[in-house]
Amino acid sequence: MTDLKQNALVARLATPAANRGLAGRAIALLRDRRGVAAVEFAFIAPLLIGVYFLALEYSLAVVTSSNVERSASQVGDLITQQQTITRSEVDAIMEIGESVLQPYERSQPVITVTAIEITDDPEPKAKVVWSRKMVAGAGSPDTTPGTETTVPGDLMVPGSFLIRAHTTLDYQPFGSRSTDEGNHFGFGGAFDALNMTMGGRYHLRPRVSTTIPCSDC
């Protein structure tokens, strides 16, 4: 009796009606749209995340570039308010310029302050009077006094005195930040193309005197 029942079941499955039922279920499965949104999101999510972090990196770079410019402007502005200045005072002002870049800390800026005198010669020349540089918080002499330098043409006024403040920074994106062992955080080298040298340079005249001598620079 059991064999007869099994044979009858096999016969029913083999009928055209059963085949049509299987085909119908297959077609229904192909038409089932449930889960499509999740699959589509899985495809576009990496692209959206990449675009988001790229936009974030560009925003951080723009802000840092603005701070580099502001650092040079602020250092020059503070020095030109002095009648005389010392080496330690110049270094202290440059430290203020470094703090302007916070919270950026992935590389160290180089801040240079140069006092320039325009000679009274028939063909005026720009010569360095004194110069200081700060790298990684340490101040040191920069250009030797008496060395000729260049300034914008409209500032070549015979007998005038200028303070040049110059800040440079080798910008490193956060996404490609590296440890001392050379390993990358975040996206590895994906944002290395954003590595760039930023800079700000200002030439300012003294505000309260005609020159700003530095006795021990």
N, C-alpha and C. Protein backbone atom coordinates (compact mmCIF):
# COMPACT_ATOMS: atom_id res chain seq x y z
N MET A 1 0.83 -1.20 0.00
CA MET A 1 0.00 0.00 0.00
C MET A 1 0.87 1.26 0.00
N THR A 2 1.95 1.18 0.75
CA THR A 2 2.86 2.34 0.82
C THR A 2 3.47 2.64 -0.53
N ASP A 3 3.85 1.59 -1.26
CA ASP A 3 4.44 1.79 -2.59
C ASP A 3 3.44 2.45 -3.52
N LEU A 4 2.17 2.08 -3.42
CA LEU A 4 1.15 2.68 -4.29
C LEU A 4 1.01 4.18 -4.02
N LYS A 5 1.06 4.56 -2.74
CA LYS A 5 0.95 5.99 -2.40
C LYS A 5 2.14 6.77 -2.94
N GLN A 6 3.36 6.23 -2.81
CA GLN A 6 4.55 6.93 -3.31
C GLN A 6 4.48 7.08 -4.83
N ASN A 7 4.03 6.03 -5.52
CA ASN A 7 3.93 6.11 -6.98
C ASN A 7 2.90 7.14 -7.40
N ALA A 8 1.81 7.24 -6.65
CA ALA A 8 0.78 8.23 -6.97
C ALA A 8 1.32 9.64 -6.79
N LEU A 9 2.15 9.89 -5.72
CA LEU A 9 2.72 11.22 -5.49
C LEU A 9 3.68 11.60 -6.59
N VAL A 10 4.52 10.67 -7.01
CA VAL A 10 5.46 10.94 -8.11
C VAL A 10 4.70 11.25 -9.38
N ALA A 11 3.60 10.55 -9.62
CA ALA A 11 2.81 10.79 -10.82
C ALA A 11 2.23 12.19 -10.82
N ARG A 12 1.76 12.65 -9.64
CA ARG A 12 1.17 13.99 -9.57
C ARG A 12 2.24 15.07 -9.82
N LEU A 13 3.44 14.86 -9.28
CA LEU A 13 4.51 15.84 -9.49
C LEU A 13 4.94 15.90 -10.95
N ALA A 14 4.76 14.82 -11.64
CA ALA A 14 5.19 14.78 -13.03
C ALA A 14 4.16 15.33 -13.99
N THR A 15 2.98 15.68 -13.49
CA THR A 15 1.93 16.18 -14.37
C THR A 15 2.23 17.59 -14.83
N PRO A 16 1.67 18.02 -15.96
CA PRO A 16 1.86 19.40 -16.44
C PRO A 16 1.43 20.43 -15.44
N ALA A 17 0.38 20.14 -14.66
CA ALA A 17 -0.09 21.11 -13.66
C ALA A 17 0.99 21.37 -12.62
N ALA A 18 1.64 20.27 -12.18
CA ALA A 18 2.72 20.44 -11.19
C ALA A 18 3.86 21.24 -11.77
N ASN A 19 4.20 20.96 -13.04
CA ASN A 19 5.29 21.71 -13.68
C ASN A 19 4.96 23.19 -13.77
N ARG A 20 3.69 23.48 -14.10
CA ARG A 20 3.29 24.88 -14.19
C ARG A 20 3.38 25.54 -12.82
N GLY A 21 3.10 24.79 -11.75
CA GLY A 21 3.20 25.36 -10.42
C GLY A 21 4.65 25.71 -10.06
N LEU A 22 5.58 24.83 -10.45
CA LEU A 22 6.99 25.10 -10.20
C LEU A 22 7.47 26.32 -10.99
N ALA A 23 7.06 26.41 -12.23
CA ALA A 23 7.44 27.55 -13.06
C ALA A 23 6.88 28.84 -12.50
N GLY A 24 5.62 28.73 -12.01
CA GLY A 24 5.00 29.93 -11.43
C GLY A 24 5.76 30.43 -10.22
N ARG A 25 6.18 29.44 -9.38
CA ARG A 25 6.93 29.85 -8.19
C ARG A 25 8.29 30.47 -8.57
N ALA A 26 8.90 29.93 -9.62
CA ALA A 26 10.19 30.50 -10.06
C ALA A 26 10.00 31.92 -10.58
N ILE A 27 8.93 32.12 -11.36
CA ILE A 27 8.66 33.47 -11.88
C ILE A 27 8.35 34.43 -10.74
N ALA A 28 7.59 33.95 -9.76
CA ALA A 28 7.26 34.80 -8.61
C ALA A 28 8.51 35.19 -7.85
N LEU A 29 9.48 34.23 -7.74
CA LEU A 29 10.73 34.54 -7.06
C LEU A 29 11.52 35.63 -7.80
N LEU A 30 11.55 35.53 -9.14
CA LEU A 30 12.26 36.53 -9.93
C LEU A 30 11.61 37.90 -9.81
N ARG A 31 10.30 37.92 -9.64
CA ARG A 31 9.58 39.19 -9.54
C ARG A 31 9.58 39.76 -8.12
N ASP A 32 10.04 38.99 -7.16
CA ASP A 32 10.04 39.44 -5.77
C ASP A 32 11.04 40.59 -5.61
N ARG A 33 10.56 41.76 -5.19
CA ARG A 33 11.41 42.95 -5.07
C ARG A 33 11.89 43.16 -3.64
N ARG A 34 11.55 42.30 -2.72
CA ARG A 34 11.98 42.47 -1.35
C ARG A 34 13.51 42.34 -1.24
N GLY A 35 14.16 43.29 -0.53
CA GLY A 35 15.61 43.25 -0.35
C GLY A 35 16.39 43.97 -1.42
N VAL A 36 15.69 44.49 -2.48
CA VAL A 36 16.39 45.18 -3.56
C VAL A 36 17.10 46.43 -3.03
N ALA A 37 16.42 47.17 -2.16
CA ALA A 37 17.02 48.40 -1.63
C ALA A 37 18.31 48.11 -0.87
N ALA A 38 18.31 47.01 -0.11
CA ALA A 38 19.52 46.65 0.64
C ALA A 38 20.67 46.31 -0.29
N VAL A 39 20.35 45.61 -1.38
CA VAL A 39 21.40 45.26 -2.34
C VAL A 39 21.95 46.51 -3.04
N GLU A 40 21.04 47.38 -3.44
CA GLU A 40 21.48 48.61 -4.10
C GLU A 40 22.33 49.46 -3.15
N PHE A 41 21.93 49.54 -1.88
CA PHE A 41 22.71 50.31 -0.91
C PHE A 41 24.11 49.71 -0.74
N ALA A 42 24.18 48.39 -0.76
CA ALA A 42 25.49 47.74 -0.62
C ALA A 42 26.42 48.12 -1.77
N PHE A 43 25.85 48.37 -2.96
CA PHE A 43 26.67 48.76 -4.10
C PHE A 43 27.13 50.22 -4.01
N ILE A 44 26.22 51.12 -3.59
CA ILE A 44 26.55 52.55 -3.63
C ILE A 44 27.13 53.07 -2.32
N ALA A 45 27.01 52.31 -1.22
CA ALA A 45 27.52 52.79 0.07
C ALA A 45 29.01 53.10 0.04
N PRO A 46 29.87 52.22 -0.52
CA PRO A 46 31.30 52.56 -0.55
C PRO A 46 31.59 53.86 -1.30
N LEU A 47 30.86 54.09 -2.40
CA LEU A 47 31.05 55.33 -3.15
C LEU A 47 30.64 56.54 -2.33
N LEU A 48 29.49 56.46 -1.67
CA LEU A 48 29.00 57.58 -0.86
C LEU A 48 29.95 57.86 0.30
N ILE A 49 30.44 56.81 0.94
CA ILE A 49 31.36 57.00 2.06
C ILE A 49 32.67 57.64 1.58
N GLY A 50 33.15 57.18 0.41
CA GLY A 50 34.36 57.77 -0.15
C GLY A 50 34.19 59.24 -0.47
N VAL A 51 33.06 59.61 -1.07
CA VAL A 51 32.79 61.01 -1.40
C VAL A 51 32.71 61.85 -0.13
N TYR A 52 32.08 61.29 0.91
CA TYR A 52 31.95 62.02 2.18
C TYR A 52 33.32 62.33 2.77
N PHE A 53 34.19 61.32 2.85
CA PHE A 53 35.50 61.55 3.46
C PHE A 53 36.39 62.43 2.59
N LEU A 54 36.22 62.34 1.27
CA LEU A 54 36.98 63.22 0.39
C LEU A 54 36.56 64.67 0.60
N ALA A 55 35.25 64.91 0.71
CA ALA A 55 34.78 66.27 0.98
C ALA A 55 35.26 66.76 2.34
N LEU A 56 35.29 65.86 3.31
CA LEU A 56 35.78 66.23 4.65
C LEU A 56 37.25 66.62 4.59
N GLU A 57 38.05 65.84 3.86
CA GLU A 57 39.48 66.14 3.76
C GLU A 57 39.71 67.49 3.07
N TYR A 58 38.96 67.77 2.01
CA TYR A 58 39.11 69.05 1.33
C TYR A 58 38.71 70.20 2.25
N SER A 59 37.67 70.01 3.05
CA SER A 59 37.26 71.06 3.99
C SER A 59 38.34 71.32 5.02
N LEU A 60 38.94 70.25 5.56
CA LEU A 60 40.01 70.42 6.52
C LEU A 60 41.22 71.10 5.90
N ALA A 61 41.51 70.77 4.64
CA ALA A 61 42.65 71.39 3.96
C ALA A 61 42.41 72.89 3.75
N VAL A 62 41.19 73.26 3.39
CA VAL A 62 40.87 74.68 3.19
C VAL A 62 41.01 75.45 4.50
N VAL A 63 40.51 74.88 5.59
CA VAL A 63 40.61 75.54 6.89
C VAL A 63 42.07 75.69 7.31
N THR A 64 42.85 74.64 7.11
CA THR A 64 44.27 74.69 7.49
C THR A 64 45.02 75.71 6.65
N SER A 65 44.73 75.78 5.36
CA SER A 65 45.38 76.77 4.49
C SER A 65 45.07 78.18 4.96
N SER A 66 43.82 78.41 5.35
CA SER A 66 43.43 79.73 5.87
C SER A 66 44.19 80.06 7.15
N ASN A 67 44.37 79.06 8.01
CA ASN A 67 45.11 79.28 9.25
C ASN A 67 46.59 79.55 9.01
N VAL A 68 47.15 78.92 7.99
CA VAL A 68 48.55 79.19 7.64
C VAL A 68 48.72 80.64 7.22
N GLU A 69 47.79 81.12 6.39
CA GLU A 69 47.82 82.53 5.98
C GLU A 69 47.66 83.45 7.20
N ARG A 70 46.73 83.10 8.08
CA ARG A 70 46.48 83.93 9.26
C ARG A 70 47.67 83.93 10.20
N SER A 71 48.37 82.80 10.28
CA SER A 71 49.55 82.72 11.13
C SER A 71 50.61 83.73 10.69
N ALA A 72 50.89 83.78 9.38
CA ALA A 72 51.87 84.73 8.87
C ALA A 72 51.42 86.17 9.11
N SER A 73 50.14 86.43 8.86
CA SER A 73 49.61 87.79 9.06
C SER A 73 49.71 88.22 10.51
N GLN A 74 49.38 87.32 11.43
CA GLN A 74 49.38 87.67 12.84
C GLN A 74 50.80 87.90 13.35
N VAL A 75 51.74 87.05 12.94
CA VAL A 75 53.13 87.23 13.36
C VAL A 75 53.67 88.57 12.88
N GLY A 76 53.45 88.87 11.60
CA GLY A 76 53.91 90.14 11.06
C GLY A 76 53.26 91.33 11.74
N ASP A 77 51.96 91.21 12.02
CA ASP A 77 51.23 92.31 12.65
C ASP A 77 51.76 92.59 14.05
N LEU A 78 52.04 91.54 14.84
CA LEU A 78 52.53 91.73 16.19
C LEU A 78 53.93 92.34 16.21
N ILE A 79 54.78 91.92 15.30
CA ILE A 79 56.15 92.45 15.28
C ILE A 79 56.18 93.91 14.84
N THR A 80 55.35 94.27 13.89
CA THR A 80 55.36 95.66 13.41
C THR A 80 54.78 96.63 14.43
N GLN A 81 54.22 96.15 15.52
CA GLN A 81 53.73 97.03 16.58
C GLN A 81 54.82 97.38 17.59
N GLN A 82 56.02 96.80 17.42
CA GLN A 82 57.12 97.05 18.35
C GLN A 82 58.03 98.17 17.83
N GLN A 83 58.62 98.89 18.77
CA GLN A 83 59.64 99.88 18.39
C GLN A 83 61.00 99.24 18.30
N THR A 84 61.32 98.39 19.24
CA THR A 84 62.52 97.55 19.20
C THR A 84 62.10 96.16 19.63
N ILE A 85 62.94 95.20 19.38
CA ILE A 85 62.58 93.81 19.71
C ILE A 85 63.84 93.02 20.00
N THR A 86 63.70 91.92 20.72
CA THR A 86 64.81 91.03 21.01
C THR A 86 64.55 89.66 20.41
N ARG A 87 65.61 88.86 20.42
CA ARG A 87 65.49 87.52 19.85
C ARG A 87 64.41 86.70 20.56
N SER A 88 64.39 86.74 21.89
CA SER A 88 63.40 85.97 22.64
C SER A 88 61.98 86.45 22.35
N GLU A 89 61.81 87.75 22.14
CA GLU A 89 60.49 88.28 21.83
C GLU A 89 60.02 87.85 20.45
N VAL A 90 60.94 87.83 19.50
CA VAL A 90 60.60 87.35 18.15
C VAL A 90 60.17 85.89 18.22
N ASP A 91 60.93 85.08 18.96
CA ASP A 91 60.60 83.66 19.08
C ASP A 91 59.25 83.46 19.76
N ALA A 92 58.96 84.28 20.78
CA ALA A 92 57.68 84.16 21.48
C ALA A 92 56.52 84.49 20.54
N ILE A 93 56.70 85.47 19.69
CA ILE A 93 55.64 85.83 18.74
C ILE A 93 55.46 84.72 17.71
N MET A 94 56.56 84.11 17.28
CA MET A 94 56.43 83.01 16.32
C MET A 94 55.74 81.80 16.96
N GLU A 95 55.93 81.60 18.26
CA GLU A 95 55.21 80.53 18.94
C GLU A 95 53.70 80.79 18.92
N ILE A 96 53.33 82.07 19.02
CA ILE A 96 51.91 82.41 18.90
C ILE A 96 51.41 82.03 17.50
N GLY A 97 52.24 82.29 16.49
CA GLY A 97 51.88 81.91 15.13
C GLY A 97 51.68 80.42 14.98
N GLU A 98 52.50 79.62 15.68
CA GLU A 98 52.31 78.17 15.63
C GLU A 98 50.97 77.76 16.24
N SER A 99 50.59 78.42 17.33
CA SER A 99 49.35 78.05 18.02
C SER A 99 48.12 78.32 17.17
N VAL A 100 48.23 79.25 16.21
CA VAL A 100 47.09 79.57 15.35
C VAL A 100 46.68 78.36 14.52
N LEU A 101 47.61 77.45 14.27
CA LEU A 101 47.32 76.29 13.42
C LEU A 101 46.60 75.18 14.17
N GLN A 102 46.49 75.27 15.47
CA GLN A 102 45.78 74.24 16.23
C GLN A 102 44.30 74.20 15.83
N PRO A 103 43.67 73.02 15.80
CA PRO A 103 44.15 71.73 16.30
C PRO A 103 44.96 70.90 15.31
N TYR A 104 45.30 71.47 14.15
CA TYR A 104 46.13 70.71 13.21
C TYR A 104 47.48 70.43 13.85
N GLU A 105 47.93 69.16 13.79
CA GLU A 105 49.21 68.81 14.43
C GLU A 105 49.93 67.68 13.71
N ARG A 106 49.57 67.42 12.47
CA ARG A 106 50.17 66.28 11.79
C ARG A 106 51.54 66.61 11.19
N SER A 107 51.87 67.88 11.09
CA SER A 107 53.21 68.28 10.66
C SER A 107 53.50 69.64 11.28
N GLN A 108 54.77 70.02 11.29
CA GLN A 108 55.19 71.25 11.94
C GLN A 108 55.36 72.38 10.91
N PRO A 109 54.86 73.58 11.21
CA PRO A 109 55.06 74.70 10.29
C PRO A 109 56.48 75.26 10.42
N VAL A 110 56.88 75.97 9.41
CA VAL A 110 58.14 76.72 9.44
C VAL A 110 57.77 78.20 9.34
N ILE A 111 58.10 78.96 10.37
CA ILE A 111 57.77 80.39 10.42
C ILE A 111 59.06 81.20 10.35
N THR A 112 59.11 82.12 9.42
CA THR A 112 60.30 82.95 9.23
C THR A 112 59.92 84.42 9.29
N VAL A 113 60.69 85.18 10.06
CA VAL A 113 60.51 86.63 10.14
C VAL A 113 61.80 87.28 9.67
N THR A 114 61.68 88.19 8.71
CA THR A 114 62.85 88.86 8.15
C THR A 114 62.64 90.37 8.14
N ALA A 115 63.57 91.08 8.73
CA ALA A 115 63.56 92.55 8.67
C ALA A 115 64.36 92.98 7.45
N ILE A 116 63.77 93.84 6.64
CA ILE A 116 64.38 94.21 5.35
C ILE A 116 64.48 95.73 5.25
N GLU A 117 65.62 96.18 4.79
CA GLU A 117 65.83 97.61 4.58
C GLU A 117 66.03 97.87 3.09
N ILE A 118 65.34 98.86 2.57
CA ILE A 118 65.50 99.24 1.16
C ILE A 118 66.52 100.37 1.11
N THR A 119 67.59 100.16 0.38
CA THR A 119 68.67 101.14 0.35
C THR A 119 68.28 102.40 -0.41
N ASP A 120 69.09 103.47 -0.21
CA ASP A 120 68.85 104.74 -0.90
C ASP A 120 69.63 104.84 -2.21
N ASP A 121 70.17 103.76 -2.69
CA ASP A 121 70.95 103.77 -3.92
C ASP A 121 70.09 104.20 -5.11
N PRO A 122 70.74 104.71 -6.16
CA PRO A 122 69.98 105.05 -7.37
C PRO A 122 69.14 103.87 -7.86
N GLU A 123 69.69 102.67 -7.70
CA GLU A 123 68.92 101.45 -7.97
C GLU A 123 68.75 100.74 -6.63
N PRO A 124 67.64 101.01 -5.94
CA PRO A 124 67.45 100.49 -4.58
C PRO A 124 67.57 98.97 -4.53
N LYS A 125 68.12 98.51 -3.41
CA LYS A 125 68.24 97.07 -3.17
C LYS A 125 67.60 96.73 -1.83
N ALA A 126 67.03 95.56 -1.75
CA ALA A 126 66.44 95.08 -0.51
C ALA A 126 67.45 94.20 0.20
N LYS A 127 67.85 94.62 1.42
CA LYS A 127 68.85 93.87 2.17
C LYS A 127 68.30 93.45 3.53
N VAL A 128 68.71 92.26 3.93
CA VAL A 128 68.27 91.71 5.21
C VAL A 128 68.99 92.42 6.35
N VAL A 129 68.21 92.89 7.34
CA VAL A 129 68.78 93.50 8.54
C VAL A 129 68.94 92.44 9.63
N TRP A 130 67.93 91.67 9.88
CA TRP A 130 67.98 90.52 10.78
C TRP A 130 66.89 89.54 10.37
N SER A 131 67.05 88.29 10.82
CA SER A 131 66.09 87.26 10.41
C SER A 131 66.09 86.13 11.42
N ARG A 132 64.89 85.62 11.72
CA ARG A 132 64.73 84.50 12.63
C ARG A 132 63.78 83.47 12.02
N LYS A 133 64.01 82.21 12.38
CA LYS A 133 63.19 81.12 11.86
C LYS A 133 62.83 80.18 13.01
N MET A 134 61.60 79.65 12.97
CA MET A 134 61.18 78.68 13.98
C MET A 134 60.69 77.41 13.31
N VAL A 135 61.27 76.29 13.72
CA VAL A 135 60.87 74.97 13.23
C VAL A 135 60.66 74.06 14.43
N ALA A 136 59.49 73.46 14.54
CA ALA A 136 59.17 72.54 15.64
C ALA A 136 59.40 73.20 16.99
N GLY A 137 59.06 74.48 17.10
CA GLY A 137 59.15 75.18 18.37
C GLY A 137 60.51 75.69 18.73
N ALA A 138 61.50 75.51 17.86
CA ALA A 138 62.87 75.95 18.14
C ALA A 138 63.24 77.10 17.21
N GLY A 139 63.65 78.24 17.80
CA GLY A 139 64.05 79.39 17.01
C GLY A 139 65.53 79.36 16.69
N SER A 140 65.88 79.94 15.55
CA SER A 140 67.28 79.98 15.12
C SER A 140 67.45 81.11 14.12
N PRO A 141 68.70 81.59 13.91
CA PRO A 141 68.92 82.60 12.87
C PRO A 141 68.59 82.02 11.51
N ASP A 142 68.19 82.91 10.61
CA ASP A 142 67.88 82.44 9.25
C ASP A 142 68.86 83.07 8.25
N THR A 143 68.44 84.10 7.55
CA THR A 143 69.28 84.69 6.52
C THR A 143 70.33 85.62 7.15
N THR A 144 71.54 85.57 6.64
CA THR A 144 72.64 86.40 7.15
C THR A 144 72.36 87.88 6.88
N PRO A 145 72.54 88.76 7.88
CA PRO A 145 72.34 90.19 7.66
C PRO A 145 73.22 90.71 6.51
N GLY A 146 72.66 91.61 5.73
CA GLY A 146 73.36 92.15 4.57
C GLY A 146 73.08 91.41 3.28
N THR A 147 72.45 90.24 3.39
CA THR A 147 72.12 89.47 2.18
C THR A 147 71.01 90.16 1.41
N GLU A 148 71.18 90.24 0.08
CA GLU A 148 70.12 90.81 -0.75
C GLU A 148 68.96 89.84 -0.85
N THR A 149 67.76 90.39 -0.85
CA THR A 149 66.56 89.59 -0.98
C THR A 149 65.61 90.26 -1.97
N THR A 150 64.47 89.72 -2.14
CA THR A 150 63.50 90.28 -3.09
C THR A 150 62.21 90.65 -2.36
N VAL A 151 61.61 91.73 -2.80
CA VAL A 151 60.29 92.16 -2.30
C VAL A 151 59.47 92.59 -3.50
N PRO A 152 58.15 92.65 -3.36
CA PRO A 152 57.32 93.12 -4.48
C PRO A 152 57.75 94.50 -4.96
N GLY A 153 57.67 94.73 -6.26
CA GLY A 153 58.14 95.96 -6.87
C GLY A 153 57.54 97.22 -6.28
N ASP A 154 56.27 97.19 -5.92
CA ASP A 154 55.63 98.39 -5.40
C ASP A 154 56.06 98.72 -3.98
N LEU A 155 56.84 97.82 -3.36
CA LEU A 155 57.36 98.07 -2.01
C LEU A 155 58.82 98.51 -2.01
N MET A 156 59.41 98.62 -3.17
CA MET A 156 60.81 99.04 -3.28
C MET A 156 60.92 100.56 -3.17
N VAL A 157 60.61 101.07 -2.00
CA VAL A 157 60.68 102.51 -1.74
C VAL A 157 62.01 102.81 -1.05
N PRO A 158 62.89 103.61 -1.66
CA PRO A 158 64.20 103.88 -1.06
C PRO A 158 64.08 104.40 0.37
N GLY A 159 64.92 103.84 1.26
CA GLY A 159 64.95 104.27 2.65
C GLY A 159 63.86 103.67 3.52
N SER A 160 63.04 102.80 3.01
CA SER A 160 61.94 102.23 3.80
C SER A 160 62.40 100.95 4.51
N PHE A 161 61.57 100.50 5.41
CA PHE A 161 61.87 99.33 6.23
C PHE A 161 60.65 98.42 6.22
N LEU A 162 60.88 97.12 6.07
CA LEU A 162 59.78 96.16 5.98
C LEU A 162 60.02 94.97 6.90
N ILE A 163 58.93 94.40 7.35
CA ILE A 163 58.97 93.13 8.06
C ILE A 163 58.25 92.11 7.19
N ARG A 164 58.96 91.04 6.86
CA ARG A 164 58.35 89.95 6.09
C ARG A 164 58.10 88.76 7.01
N ALA A 165 56.86 88.33 7.07
CA ALA A 165 56.49 87.14 7.84
C ALA A 165 56.05 86.06 6.86
N HIS A 166 56.66 84.91 6.97
CA HIS A 166 56.41 83.83 6.00
C HIS A 166 56.19 82.53 6.75
N THR A 167 55.06 81.88 6.51
CA THR A 167 54.74 80.59 7.12
C THR A 167 54.53 79.55 6.04
N THR A 168 55.17 78.40 6.18
CA THR A 168 54.95 77.28 5.27
C THR A 168 54.59 76.04 6.08
N LEU A 169 53.81 75.16 5.47
CA LEU A 169 53.38 73.93 6.13
C LEU A 169 53.23 72.83 5.10
N ASP A 170 53.87 71.70 5.36
CA ASP A 170 53.68 70.52 4.51
C ASP A 170 52.43 69.79 5.02
N TYR A 171 51.32 70.06 4.37
CA TYR A 171 50.03 69.54 4.84
C TYR A 171 49.94 68.04 4.60
N GLN A 172 49.47 67.32 5.62
CA GLN A 172 49.23 65.89 5.52
C GLN A 172 47.77 65.61 5.85
N PRO A 173 47.01 65.02 4.93
CA PRO A 173 45.61 64.70 5.20
C PRO A 173 45.47 63.74 6.37
N PHE A 174 44.37 63.86 7.09
CA PHE A 174 44.14 62.96 8.23
C PHE A 174 44.01 61.52 7.77
N GLY A 175 43.38 61.30 6.62
CA GLY A 175 43.16 59.95 6.14
C GLY A 175 44.42 59.19 5.80
N SER A 176 45.52 59.91 5.54
CA SER A 176 46.77 59.24 5.20
C SER A 176 47.81 59.41 6.29
N ARG A 177 47.34 59.77 7.50
CA ARG A 177 48.26 59.96 8.61
C ARG A 177 49.00 58.66 8.90
N SER A 178 50.31 58.75 9.15
CA SER A 178 51.13 57.57 9.35
C SER A 178 51.71 57.54 10.75
N THR A 179 51.96 56.34 11.23
CA THR A 179 52.64 56.16 12.51
C THR A 179 54.14 56.16 12.26
N ASP A 180 54.89 56.10 13.33
CA ASP A 180 56.35 56.06 13.19
C ASP A 180 56.81 54.79 12.49
N GLU A 181 55.98 53.75 12.55
CA GLU A 181 56.36 52.49 11.88
C GLU A 181 55.98 52.49 10.41
N GLY A 182 55.36 53.55 9.94
CA GLY A 182 55.02 53.65 8.53
C GLY A 182 53.66 53.12 8.18
N ASN A 183 52.87 52.70 9.16
CA ASN A 183 51.53 52.20 8.87
C ASN A 183 50.57 53.36 8.73
N HIS A 184 49.59 53.19 7.89
CA HIS A 184 48.62 54.25 7.63
C HIS A 184 47.37 54.05 8.46
N PHE A 185 46.77 55.15 8.85
CA PHE A 185 45.46 55.10 9.50
C PHE A 185 44.38 55.25 8.43
N GLY A 186 43.18 54.87 8.80
CA GLY A 186 42.01 55.16 7.97
C GLY A 186 42.11 54.55 6.59
N PHE A 187 42.26 55.40 5.58
CA PHE A 187 42.19 54.97 4.19
C PHE A 187 43.56 54.76 3.57
N GLY A 188 44.56 54.56 4.39
CA GLY A 188 45.88 54.31 3.84
C GLY A 188 46.36 55.48 3.00
N GLY A 189 46.83 55.20 1.79
CA GLY A 189 47.35 56.24 0.93
C GLY A 189 46.32 56.82 -0.02
N ALA A 190 45.03 56.58 0.25
CA ALA A 190 43.99 57.02 -0.67
C ALA A 190 43.96 58.53 -0.83
N PHE A 191 44.37 59.28 0.21
CA PHE A 191 44.32 60.73 0.15
C PHE A 191 45.70 61.35 0.04
N ASP A 192 46.70 60.55 -0.34
CA ASP A 192 48.05 61.10 -0.47
C ASP A 192 48.12 62.21 -1.51
N ALA A 193 47.18 62.21 -2.46
CA ALA A 193 47.18 63.27 -3.48
C ALA A 193 46.93 64.64 -2.87
N LEU A 194 46.36 64.67 -1.64
CA LEU A 194 46.09 65.93 -0.98
C LEU A 194 47.29 66.46 -0.21
N ASN A 195 48.38 65.69 -0.17
CA ASN A 195 49.60 66.22 0.44
C ASN A 195 50.06 67.43 -0.36
N MET A 196 50.29 68.53 0.31
CA MET A 196 50.68 69.75 -0.40
C MET A 196 51.43 70.68 0.54
N THR A 197 52.15 71.63 -0.03
CA THR A 197 52.84 72.64 0.76
C THR A 197 52.00 73.91 0.74
N MET A 198 51.56 74.32 1.93
CA MET A 198 50.78 75.54 2.06
C MET A 198 51.70 76.66 2.53
N GLY A 199 51.33 77.89 2.21
CA GLY A 199 52.18 79.00 2.62
C GLY A 199 51.43 80.31 2.69
N GLY A 200 51.95 81.19 3.53
CA GLY A 200 51.43 82.54 3.64
C GLY A 200 52.59 83.51 3.80
N ARG A 201 52.56 84.62 3.07
CA ARG A 201 53.67 85.59 3.12
C ARG A 201 53.10 87.00 3.13
N TYR A 202 53.60 87.82 4.08
CA TYR A 202 53.14 89.20 4.20
C TYR A 202 54.34 90.12 4.38
N HIS A 203 54.29 91.27 3.71
CA HIS A 203 55.27 92.35 3.91
C HIS A 203 54.54 93.51 4.57
N LEU A 204 55.00 93.89 5.75
CA LEU A 204 54.34 94.95 6.51
C LEU A 204 55.34 96.02 6.92
N ARG A 205 54.87 97.26 7.05
CA ARG A 205 55.72 98.36 7.49
C ARG A 205 55.55 98.56 9.00
N PRO A 206 56.60 99.05 9.68
CA PRO A 206 56.47 99.34 11.12
C PRO A 206 55.35 100.34 11.38
N ARG A 207 54.68 100.19 12.51
CA ARG A 207 53.55 101.05 12.83
C ARG A 207 53.93 102.25 13.69
N VAL A 208 54.86 102.04 14.62
CA VAL A 208 55.15 103.11 15.59
C VAL A 208 56.57 103.64 15.48
N SER A 209 57.32 103.20 14.52
CA SER A 209 58.69 103.68 14.31
C SER A 209 59.07 103.45 12.86
N THR A 210 60.19 104.01 12.47
CA THR A 210 60.62 103.85 11.07
C THR A 210 61.34 102.53 10.85
N THR A 211 62.00 102.02 11.91
CA THR A 211 62.68 100.72 11.85
C THR A 211 62.37 99.94 13.11
N ILE A 212 62.68 98.64 13.06
CA ILE A 212 62.50 97.79 14.25
C ILE A 212 63.80 97.01 14.45
N PRO A 213 64.75 97.60 15.17
CA PRO A 213 66.02 96.89 15.38
C PRO A 213 65.88 95.72 16.35
N CYS A 214 66.67 94.71 16.14
CA CYS A 214 66.74 93.55 17.05
C CYS A 214 68.18 93.46 17.55
N SER A 215 68.37 93.71 18.83
CA SER A 215 69.72 93.86 19.37
C SER A 215 70.54 92.57 19.36
N ASP A 216 69.88 91.42 19.49
CA ASP A 216 70.63 90.15 19.59
C ASP A 216 70.18 89.10 18.57
N CYS A 217 69.56 89.56 17.50
CA CYS A 217 69.14 88.60 16.47
C CYS A 217 70.32 88.18 15.59
